[in-house]
Amino acid sequence: MQKLSIIRFKPKPECFDEFVSNITEFNETKHRVFHLMKSGDELHAIVIRDASILEQDASDGVKWLDGQRQLLQEFDADNKHTIPLSGDLLYSSV
């Protein structure tokens, strides 16, 4: 089974390009499908990976994010710097 995750980020305007560079570089080392979309002042990371690596991959992502938080605005007190959503991938034409 494959999992699809969408993670929303809101970089500080002055840090936008730096964060895009950092997240792109981080994801070049991973063995999964990664897309990055800009929508207004937000970035949406879209990731497709095997269910068997989801837990470890998510843990690695949180560790990486700890070093990036200074580049991001918080969404709110509950979500902090990201709004994540993950689930089973039911269909893909790729």
PDB file of N, CA and C in Angstrom:
ATOM      1  N   MET A   1       0.857  -1.186   0.000  1.00  0.00           N
ATOM      2  CA  MET A   1       0.000   0.000   0.000  1.00  0.00           C
ATOM      3  C   MET A   1       0.893   1.236   0.000  1.00  0.00           C
ATOM      4  N   GLN A   2       0.484   2.223  -0.773  1.00  0.00           N
ATOM      5  CA  GLN A   2       1.186   3.495  -0.776  1.00  0.00           C
ATOM      6  C   GLN A   2       0.401   4.527   0.011  1.00  0.00           C
ATOM      7  N   LYS A   3       1.139   5.465   0.589  1.00  0.00           N
ATOM      8  CA  LYS A   3       0.556   6.554   1.361  1.00  0.00           C
ATOM      9  C   LYS A   3       0.834   7.862   0.640  1.00  0.00           C
ATOM     10  N   LEU A   4      -0.127   8.765   0.712  1.00  0.00           N
ATOM     11  CA  LEU A   4       0.035  10.106   0.180  1.00  0.00           C
ATOM     12  C   LEU A   4      -0.045  11.078   1.342  1.00  0.00           C
ATOM     13  N   SER A   5       0.893  11.996   1.392  1.00  0.00           N
ATOM     14  CA  SER A   5       0.895  13.025   2.430  1.00  0.00           C
ATOM     15  C   SER A   5       0.944  14.390   1.771  1.00  0.00           C
ATOM     16  N   ILE A   6       0.207  15.326   2.341  1.00  0.00           N
ATOM     17  CA  ILE A   6       0.256  16.723   1.930  1.00  0.00           C
ATOM     18  C   ILE A   6       0.572  17.511   3.195  1.00  0.00           C
ATOM     19  N   ILE A   7       1.676  18.263   3.151  1.00  0.00           N
ATOM     20  CA  ILE A   7       2.091  19.050   4.307  1.00  0.00           C
ATOM     21  C   ILE A   7       2.137  20.506   3.888  1.00  0.00           C
ATOM     22  N   ARG A   8       1.401  21.328   4.606  1.00  0.00           N
ATOM     23  CA  ARG A   8       1.346  22.758   4.312  1.00  0.00           C
ATOM     24  C   ARG A   8       2.373  23.498   5.169  1.00  0.00           C
ATOM     25  N   PHE A   9       3.100  24.414   4.527  1.00  0.00           N
ATOM     26  CA  PHE A   9       4.075  25.274   5.192  1.00  0.00           C
ATOM     27  C   PHE A   9       3.780  26.715   4.802  1.00  0.00           C
ATOM     28  N   LYS A  10       4.148  27.640   5.677  1.00  0.00           N
ATOM     29  CA  LYS A  10       3.990  29.059   5.371  1.00  0.00           C
ATOM     30  C   LYS A  10       5.312  29.763   5.696  1.00  0.00           C
ATOM     31  N   PRO A  11       6.246  29.763   4.727  1.00  0.00           N
ATOM     32  CA  PRO A  11       7.539  30.404   4.986  1.00  0.00           C
ATOM     33  C   PRO A  11       7.386  31.904   5.245  1.00  0.00           C
ATOM     34  N   LYS A  12       8.254  32.439   6.085  1.00  0.00           N
ATOM     35  CA  LYS A  12       8.315  33.892   6.244  1.00  0.00           C
ATOM     36  C   LYS A  12       8.707  34.454   4.873  1.00  0.00           C
ATOM     37  N   PRO A  13       8.114  35.579   4.474  1.00  0.00           N
ATOM     38  CA  PRO A  13       8.382  36.104   3.120  1.00  0.00           C
ATOM     39  C   PRO A  13       9.868  36.253   2.807  1.00  0.00           C
ATOM     40  N   GLU A  14      10.638  36.722   3.759  1.00  0.00           N
ATOM     41  CA  GLU A  14      12.068  36.930   3.531  1.00  0.00           C
ATOM     42  C   GLU A  14      12.871  35.618   3.522  1.00  0.00           C
ATOM     43  N   CYS A  15      12.236  34.524   3.903  1.00  0.00           N
ATOM     44  CA  CYS A  15      12.900  33.211   3.967  1.00  0.00           C
ATOM     45  C   CYS A  15      12.361  32.225   2.931  1.00  0.00           C
ATOM     46  N   PHE A  16      11.458  32.699   2.065  1.00  0.00           N
ATOM     47  CA  PHE A  16      10.772  31.802   1.138  1.00  0.00           C
ATOM     48  C   PHE A  16      11.749  31.002   0.272  1.00  0.00           C
ATOM     49  N   ASP A  17      12.647  31.681  -0.421  1.00  0.00           N
ATOM     50  CA  ASP A  17      13.572  31.004  -1.330  1.00  0.00           C
ATOM     51  C   ASP A  17      14.504  30.050  -0.580  1.00  0.00           C
ATOM     52  N   GLU A  18      14.961  30.461   0.593  1.00  0.00           N
ATOM     53  CA  GLU A  18      15.841  29.605   1.390  1.00  0.00           C
ATOM     54  C   GLU A  18      15.117  28.322   1.799  1.00  0.00           C
ATOM     55  N   PHE A  19      13.855  28.443   2.228  1.00  0.00           N
ATOM     56  CA  PHE A  19      13.112  27.255   2.628  1.00  0.00           C
ATOM     57  C   PHE A  19      12.859  26.335   1.433  1.00  0.00           C
ATOM     58  N   VAL A  20      12.508  26.897   0.285  1.00  0.00           N
ATOM     59  CA  VAL A  20      12.305  26.082  -0.920  1.00  0.00           C
ATOM     60  C   VAL A  20      13.580  25.311  -1.248  1.00  0.00           C
ATOM     61  N   SER A  21      14.711  25.971  -1.193  1.00  0.00           N
ATOM     62  CA  SER A  21      15.987  25.317  -1.457  1.00  0.00           C
ATOM     63  C   SER A  21      16.252  24.204  -0.444  1.00  0.00           C
ATOM     64  N   ASN A  22      16.015  24.476   0.829  1.00  0.00           N
ATOM     65  CA  ASN A  22      16.270  23.494   1.888  1.00  0.00           C
ATOM     66  C   ASN A  22      15.372  22.267   1.770  1.00  0.00           C
ATOM     67  N   ILE A  23      14.088  22.488   1.525  1.00  0.00           N
ATOM     68  CA  ILE A  23      13.164  21.342   1.470  1.00  0.00           C
ATOM     69  C   ILE A  23      13.420  20.515   0.207  1.00  0.00           C
ATOM     70  N   THR A  24      13.794  21.177  -0.878  1.00  0.00           N
ATOM     71  CA  THR A  24      14.115  20.464  -2.109  1.00  0.00           C
ATOM     72  C   THR A  24      15.371  19.611  -1.911  1.00  0.00           C
ATOM     73  N   GLU A  25      16.393  20.189  -1.314  1.00  0.00           N
ATOM     74  CA  GLU A  25      17.630  19.456  -1.047  1.00  0.00           C
ATOM     75  C   GLU A  25      17.380  18.263  -0.117  1.00  0.00           C
ATOM     76  N   PHE A  26      16.606  18.465   0.936  1.00  0.00           N
ATOM     77  CA  PHE A  26      16.299  17.387   1.874  1.00  0.00           C
ATOM     78  C   PHE A  26      15.607  16.224   1.157  1.00  0.00           C
ATOM     79  N   ASN A  27      14.698  16.531   0.271  1.00  0.00           N
ATOM     80  CA  ASN A  27      13.917  15.483  -0.385  1.00  0.00           C
ATOM     81  C   ASN A  27      14.636  14.811  -1.543  1.00  0.00           C
ATOM     82  N   GLU A  28      15.736  15.367  -2.016  1.00  0.00           N
ATOM     83  CA  GLU A  28      16.516  14.722  -3.074  1.00  0.00           C
ATOM     84  C   GLU A  28      17.158  13.438  -2.577  1.00  0.00           C
ATOM     85  N   THR A  29      17.337  13.299  -1.274  1.00  0.00           N
ATOM     86  CA  THR A  29      18.008  12.115  -0.718  1.00  0.00           C
ATOM     87  C   THR A  29      17.034  10.989  -0.388  1.00  0.00           C
ATOM     88  N   LYS A  30      15.757  11.219  -0.563  1.00  0.00           N
ATOM     89  CA  LYS A  30      14.739  10.238  -0.190  1.00  0.00           C
ATOM     90  C   LYS A  30      14.326   9.400  -1.399  1.00  0.00           C
ATOM     91  N   HIS A  31      13.904   8.172  -1.132  1.00  0.00           N
ATOM     92  CA  HIS A  31      13.474   7.267  -2.200  1.00  0.00           C
ATOM     93  C   HIS A  31      11.949   7.227  -2.250  1.00  0.00           C
ATOM     94  N   ARG A  32      11.373   8.326  -2.753  1.00  0.00           N
ATOM     95  CA  ARG A  32       9.927   8.442  -2.842  1.00  0.00           C
ATOM     96  C   ARG A  32       9.595   9.546  -3.822  1.00  0.00           C
ATOM     97  N   VAL A  33       8.333   9.665  -4.163  1.00  0.00           N
ATOM     98  CA  VAL A  33       7.886  10.727  -5.066  1.00  0.00           C
ATOM     99  C   VAL A  33       7.635  11.985  -4.239  1.00  0.00           C
ATOM    100  N   PHE A  34       8.165  13.114  -4.698  1.00  0.00           N
ATOM    101  CA  PHE A  34       8.018  14.381  -3.981  1.00  0.00           C
ATOM    102  C   PHE A  34       7.674  15.487  -4.973  1.00  0.00           C
ATOM    103  N   HIS A  35       6.653  16.267  -4.634  1.00  0.00           N
ATOM    104  CA  HIS A  35       6.279  17.441  -5.422  1.00  0.00           C
ATOM    105  C   HIS A  35       6.159  18.606  -4.449  1.00  0.00           C
ATOM    106  N   LEU A  36       6.457  19.806  -4.940  1.00  0.00           N
ATOM    107  CA  LEU A  36       6.318  21.006  -4.123  1.00  0.00           C
ATOM    108  C   LEU A  36       5.485  22.008  -4.910  1.00  0.00           C
ATOM    109  N   MET A  37       4.394  22.462  -4.292  1.00  0.00           N
ATOM    110  CA  MET A  37       3.464  23.374  -4.952  1.00  0.00           C
ATOM    111  C   MET A  37       3.390  24.678  -4.164  1.00  0.00           C
ATOM    112  N   LYS A  38       3.359  25.793  -4.886  1.00  0.00           N
ATOM    113  CA  LYS A  38       3.148  27.103  -4.261  1.00  0.00           C
ATOM    114  C   LYS A  38       1.700  27.490  -4.463  1.00  0.00           C
ATOM    115  N   SER A  39       1.056  27.928  -3.390  1.00  0.00           N
ATOM    116  CA  SER A  39      -0.318  28.417  -3.440  1.00  0.00           C
ATOM    117  C   SER A  39      -0.398  29.660  -2.572  1.00  0.00           C
ATOM    118  N   GLY A  40      -0.427  30.823  -3.206  1.00  0.00           N
ATOM    119  CA  GLY A  40      -0.392  32.069  -2.449  1.00  0.00           C
ATOM    120  C   GLY A  40       0.931  32.179  -1.708  1.00  0.00           C
ATOM    121  N   ASP A  41       0.861  32.389  -0.405  1.00  0.00           N
ATOM    122  CA  ASP A  41       2.084  32.489   0.399  1.00  0.00           C
ATOM    123  C   ASP A  41       2.432  31.177   1.093  1.00  0.00           C
ATOM    124  N   GLU A  42       1.768  30.094   0.685  1.00  0.00           N
ATOM    125  CA  GLU A  42       2.019  28.777   1.280  1.00  0.00           C
ATOM    126  C   GLU A  42       2.718  27.858   0.295  1.00  0.00           C
ATOM    127  N   LEU A  43       3.410  26.869   0.869  1.00  0.00           N
ATOM    128  CA  LEU A  43       3.953  25.759   0.101  1.00  0.00           C
ATOM    129  C   LEU A  43       3.241  24.500   0.539  1.00  0.00           C
ATOM    130  N   HIS A  44       2.993  23.614  -0.417  1.00  0.00           N
ATOM    131  CA  HIS A  44       2.381  22.318  -0.136  1.00  0.00           C
ATOM    132  C   HIS A  44       3.345  21.248  -0.636  1.00  0.00           C
ATOM    133  N   ALA A  45       3.856  20.461   0.280  1.00  0.00           N
ATOM    134  CA  ALA A  45       4.695  19.326  -0.089  1.00  0.00           C
ATOM    135  C   ALA A  45       3.780  18.121  -0.279  1.00  0.00           C
ATOM    136  N   ILE A  46       3.887  17.474  -1.420  1.00  0.00           N
ATOM    137  CA  ILE A  46       3.065  16.299  -1.720  1.00  0.00           C
ATOM    138  C   ILE A  46       4.019  15.119  -1.865  1.00  0.00           C
ATOM    139  N   VAL A  47       3.815  14.102  -1.036  1.00  0.00           N
ATOM    140  CA  VAL A  47       4.746  12.983  -0.961  1.00  0.00           C
ATOM    141  C   VAL A  47       3.980  11.673  -1.134  1.00  0.00           C
ATOM    142  N   ILE A  48       4.511  10.800  -1.987  1.00  0.00           N
ATOM    143  CA  ILE A  48       3.963   9.450  -2.144  1.00  0.00           C
ATOM    144  C   ILE A  48       5.072   8.475  -1.772  1.00  0.00           C
ATOM    145  N   ARG A  49       4.750   7.565  -0.854  1.00  0.00           N
ATOM    146  CA  ARG A  49       5.753   6.602  -0.389  1.00  0.00           C
ATOM    147  C   ARG A  49       5.081   5.309   0.024  1.00  0.00           C
ATOM    148  N   ASP A  50       5.869   4.257   0.097  1.00  0.00           N
ATOM    149  CA  ASP A  50       5.351   2.976   0.580  1.00  0.00           C
ATOM    150  C   ASP A  50       4.979   3.091   2.045  1.00  0.00           C
ATOM    151  N   ALA A  51       3.912   2.417   2.421  1.00  0.00           N
ATOM    152  CA  ALA A  51       3.449   2.450   3.806  1.00  0.00           C
ATOM    153  C   ALA A  51       4.524   1.968   4.762  1.00  0.00           C
ATOM    154  N   SER A  52       5.375   1.065   4.303  1.00  0.00           N
ATOM    155  CA  SER A  52       6.413   0.495   5.174  1.00  0.00           C
ATOM    156  C   SER A  52       7.434   1.518   5.647  1.00  0.00           C
ATOM    157  N   ILE A  53       7.585   2.647   4.929  1.00  0.00           N
ATOM    158  CA  ILE A  53       8.559   3.656   5.349  1.00  0.00           C
ATOM    159  C   ILE A  53       7.908   4.920   5.909  1.00  0.00           C
ATOM    160  N   LEU A  54       6.583   4.961   5.951  1.00  0.00           N
ATOM    161  CA  LEU A  54       5.889   6.178   6.387  1.00  0.00           C
ATOM    162  C   LEU A  54       6.337   6.630   7.768  1.00  0.00           C
ATOM    163  N   GLU A  55       6.332   5.750   8.735  1.00  0.00           N
ATOM    164  CA  GLU A  55       6.645   6.141  10.108  1.00  0.00           C
ATOM    165  C   GLU A  55       8.066   6.688  10.231  1.00  0.00           C
ATOM    166  N   GLN A  56       9.048   5.976   9.682  1.00  0.00           N
ATOM    167  CA  GLN A  56      10.438   6.434   9.760  1.00  0.00           C
ATOM    168  C   GLN A  56      10.636   7.708   8.960  1.00  0.00           C
ATOM    169  N   ASP A  57      10.029   7.786   7.782  1.00  0.00           N
ATOM    170  CA  ASP A  57      10.149   8.953   6.928  1.00  0.00           C
ATOM    171  C   ASP A  57       9.548  10.188   7.602  1.00  0.00           C
ATOM    172  N   ALA A  58       8.403  10.023   8.236  1.00  0.00           N
ATOM    173  CA  ALA A  58       7.773  11.135   8.953  1.00  0.00           C
ATOM    174  C   ALA A  58       8.637  11.574  10.126  1.00  0.00           C
ATOM    175  N   SER A  59       9.215  10.629  10.832  1.00  0.00           N
ATOM    176  CA  SER A  59      10.104  10.948  11.951  1.00  0.00           C
ATOM    177  C   SER A  59      11.327  11.729  11.464  1.00  0.00           C
ATOM    178  N   ASP A  60      11.920  11.292  10.361  1.00  0.00           N
ATOM    179  CA  ASP A  60      13.056  12.016   9.777  1.00  0.00           C
ATOM    180  C   ASP A  60      12.654  13.429   9.374  1.00  0.00           C
ATOM    181  N   GLY A  61      11.447  13.577   8.833  1.00  0.00           N
ATOM    182  CA  GLY A  61      10.957  14.889   8.426  1.00  0.00           C
ATOM    183  C   GLY A  61      10.767  15.833   9.595  1.00  0.00           C
ATOM    184  N   VAL A  62      10.272  15.329  10.707  1.00  0.00           N
ATOM    185  CA  VAL A  62      10.086  16.167  11.900  1.00  0.00           C
ATOM    186  C   VAL A  62      11.445  16.612  12.441  1.00  0.00           C
ATOM    187  N   LYS A  63      12.410  15.705  12.463  1.00  0.00           N
ATOM    188  CA  LYS A  63      13.766  16.073  12.909  1.00  0.00           C
ATOM    189  C   LYS A  63      14.345  17.163  12.015  1.00  0.00           C
ATOM    190  N   TRP A  64      14.174  17.012  10.695  1.00  0.00           N
ATOM    191  CA  TRP A  64      14.652  18.026   9.765  1.00  0.00           C
ATOM    192  C   TRP A  64      13.935  19.347  10.004  1.00  0.00           C
ATOM    193  N   LEU A  65      12.636  19.283  10.212  1.00  0.00           N
ATOM    194  CA  LEU A  65      11.837  20.487  10.414  1.00  0.00           C
ATOM    195  C   LEU A  65      12.279  21.269  11.645  1.00  0.00           C
ATOM    196  N   ASP A  66      12.759  20.584  12.666  1.00  0.00           N
ATOM    197  CA  ASP A  66      13.237  21.270  13.869  1.00  0.00           C
ATOM    198  C   ASP A  66      14.311  22.301  13.537  1.00  0.00           C
ATOM    199  N   GLY A  67      15.095  22.055  12.505  1.00  0.00           N
ATOM    200  CA  GLY A  67      16.122  23.008  12.088  1.00  0.00           C
ATOM    201  C   GLY A  67      15.634  24.055  11.111  1.00  0.00           C
ATOM    202  N   GLN A  68      14.356  24.006  10.736  1.00  0.00           N
ATOM    203  CA  GLN A  68      13.788  24.921   9.735  1.00  0.00           C
ATOM    204  C   GLN A  68      12.735  25.864  10.308  1.00  0.00           C
ATOM    205  N   ARG A  69      12.314  25.632  11.528  1.00  0.00           N
ATOM    206  CA  ARG A  69      11.174  26.378  12.090  1.00  0.00           C
ATOM    207  C   ARG A  69      11.379  27.891  12.077  1.00  0.00           C
ATOM    208  N   GLN A  70      12.631  28.331  12.207  1.00  0.00           N
ATOM    209  CA  GLN A  70      12.902  29.775  12.219  1.00  0.00           C
ATOM    210  C   GLN A  70      12.595  30.420  10.869  1.00  0.00           C
ATOM    211  N   LEU A  71      12.438  29.610   9.817  1.00  0.00           N
ATOM    212  CA  LEU A  71      12.123  30.128   8.480  1.00  0.00           C
ATOM    213  C   LEU A  71      10.622  30.185   8.217  1.00  0.00           C
ATOM    214  N   LEU A  72       9.830  29.640   9.150  1.00  0.00           N
ATOM    215  CA  LEU A  72       8.391  29.474   8.931  1.00  0.00           C
ATOM    216  C   LEU A  72       7.552  30.306   9.887  1.00  0.00           C
ATOM    217  N   GLN A  73       6.378  30.693   9.404  1.00  0.00           N
ATOM    218  CA  GLN A  73       5.370  31.315  10.253  1.00  0.00           C
ATOM    219  C   GLN A  73       4.506  30.207  10.849  1.00  0.00           C
ATOM    220  N   GLU A  74       3.998  30.425  12.042  1.00  0.00           N
ATOM    221  CA  GLU A  74       3.061  29.471  12.613  1.00  0.00           C
ATOM    222  C   GLU A  74       1.679  29.715  12.017  1.00  0.00           C
ATOM    223  N   PHE A  75       0.954  28.615  11.756  1.00  0.00           N
ATOM    224  CA  PHE A  75      -0.422  28.734  11.297  1.00  0.00           C
ATOM    225  C   PHE A  75      -1.316  29.152  12.459  1.00  0.00           C
ATOM    226  N   ASP A  76      -1.171  28.448  13.590  1.00  0.00           N
ATOM    227  CA  ASP A  76      -1.937  28.739  14.798  1.00  0.00           C
ATOM    228  C   ASP A  76      -1.307  27.955  15.949  1.00  0.00           C
ATOM    229  N   ALA A  77      -1.860  28.102  17.148  1.00  0.00           N
ATOM    230  CA  ALA A  77      -1.284  27.462  18.336  1.00  0.00           C
ATOM    231  C   ALA A  77      -1.365  25.937  18.279  1.00  0.00           C
ATOM    232  N   ASP A  78      -2.371  25.404  17.614  1.00  0.00           N
ATOM    233  CA  ASP A  78      -2.512  23.944  17.541  1.00  0.00           C
ATOM    234  C   ASP A  78      -1.597  23.331  16.484  1.00  0.00           C
ATOM    235  N   ASN A  79      -1.581  23.890  15.289  1.00  0.00           N
ATOM    236  CA  ASN A  79      -0.819  23.320  14.185  1.00  0.00           C
ATOM    237  C   ASN A  79       0.648  23.724  14.181  1.00  0.00           C
ATOM    238  N   LYS A  80       0.943  24.837  14.774  1.00  0.00           N
ATOM    239  CA  LYS A  80       2.306  25.390  14.766  1.00  0.00           C
ATOM    240  C   LYS A  80       2.760  25.664  13.332  1.00  0.00           C
ATOM    241  N   HIS A  81       3.863  25.036  12.891  1.00  0.00           N
ATOM    242  CA  HIS A  81       4.508  25.379  11.623  1.00  0.00           C
ATOM    243  C   HIS A  81       4.070  24.548  10.424  1.00  0.00           C
ATOM    244  N   THR A  82       3.253  23.522  10.638  1.00  0.00           N
ATOM    245  CA  THR A  82       2.802  22.690   9.520  1.00  0.00           C
ATOM    246  C   THR A  82       1.349  22.276   9.732  1.00  0.00           C
ATOM    247  N   ILE A  83       0.689  21.988   8.629  1.00  0.00           N
ATOM    248  CA  ILE A  83      -0.624  21.348   8.669  1.00  0.00           C
ATOM    249  C   ILE A  83      -0.496  20.096   7.803  1.00  0.00           C
ATOM    250  N   PRO A  84      -0.326  18.928   8.447  1.00  0.00           N
ATOM    251  CA  PRO A  84      -0.130  17.690   7.697  1.00  0.00           C
ATOM    252  C   PRO A  84      -1.422  16.903   7.495  1.00  0.00           C
ATOM    253  N   LEU A  85      -1.459  16.158   6.408  1.00  0.00           N
ATOM    254  CA  LEU A  85      -2.574  15.269   6.109  1.00  0.00           C
ATOM    255  C   LEU A  85      -2.002  14.062   5.386  1.00  0.00           C
ATOM    256  N   SER A  86      -2.281  12.859   5.873  1.00  0.00           N
ATOM    257  CA  SER A  86      -1.805  11.627   5.232  1.00  0.00           C
ATOM    258  C   SER A  86      -2.933  10.623   5.134  1.00  0.00           C
ATOM    259  N   GLY A  87      -2.857   9.774   4.111  1.00  0.00           N
ATOM    260  CA  GLY A  87      -3.852   8.727   3.952  1.00  0.00           C
ATOM    261  C   GLY A  87      -3.430   7.733   2.890  1.00  0.00           C
ATOM    262  N   ASP A  88      -4.261   6.723   2.697  1.00  0.00           N
ATOM    263  CA  ASP A  88      -3.995   5.699   1.692  1.00  0.00           C
ATOM    264  C   ASP A  88      -4.184   6.271   0.299  1.00  0.00           C
ATOM    265  N   LEU A  89      -3.247   6.005  -0.585  1.00  0.00           N
ATOM    266  CA  LEU A  89      -3.363   6.405  -1.973  1.00  0.00           C
ATOM    267  C   LEU A  89      -4.224   5.379  -2.699  1.00  0.00           C
ATOM    268  N   LEU A  90      -5.377   5.786  -3.163  1.00  0.00           N
ATOM    269  CA  LEU A  90      -6.291   4.867  -3.821  1.00  0.00           C
ATOM    270  C   LEU A  90      -6.096   4.786  -5.331  1.00  0.00           C
ATOM    271  N   TYR A  91      -5.595   5.863  -5.935  1.00  0.00           N
ATOM    272  CA  TYR A  91      -5.408   5.868  -7.380  1.00  0.00           C
ATOM    273  C   TYR A  91      -4.311   6.865  -7.748  1.00  0.00           C
ATOM    274  N   SER A  92      -3.498   6.488  -8.707  1.00  0.00           N
ATOM    275  CA  SER A  92      -2.496   7.378  -9.274  1.00  0.00           C
ATOM    276  C   SER A  92      -2.285   6.978 -10.724  1.00  0.00           C
ATOM    277  N   SER A  93      -2.207   7.949 -11.609  1.00  0.00           N
ATOM    278  CA  SER A  93      -1.957   7.659 -13.019  1.00  0.00           C
ATOM    279  C   SER A  93      -0.466   7.652 -13.331  1.00  0.00           C
ATOM    280  N   VAL A  94       0.351   7.883 -12.336  1.00  0.00           N
ATOM    281  CA  VAL A  94       1.815   7.909 -12.529  1.00  0.00           C
ATOM    282  C   VAL A  94       2.368   6.512 -12.491  1.00  0.00           C
TER     283      VAL A  94
END
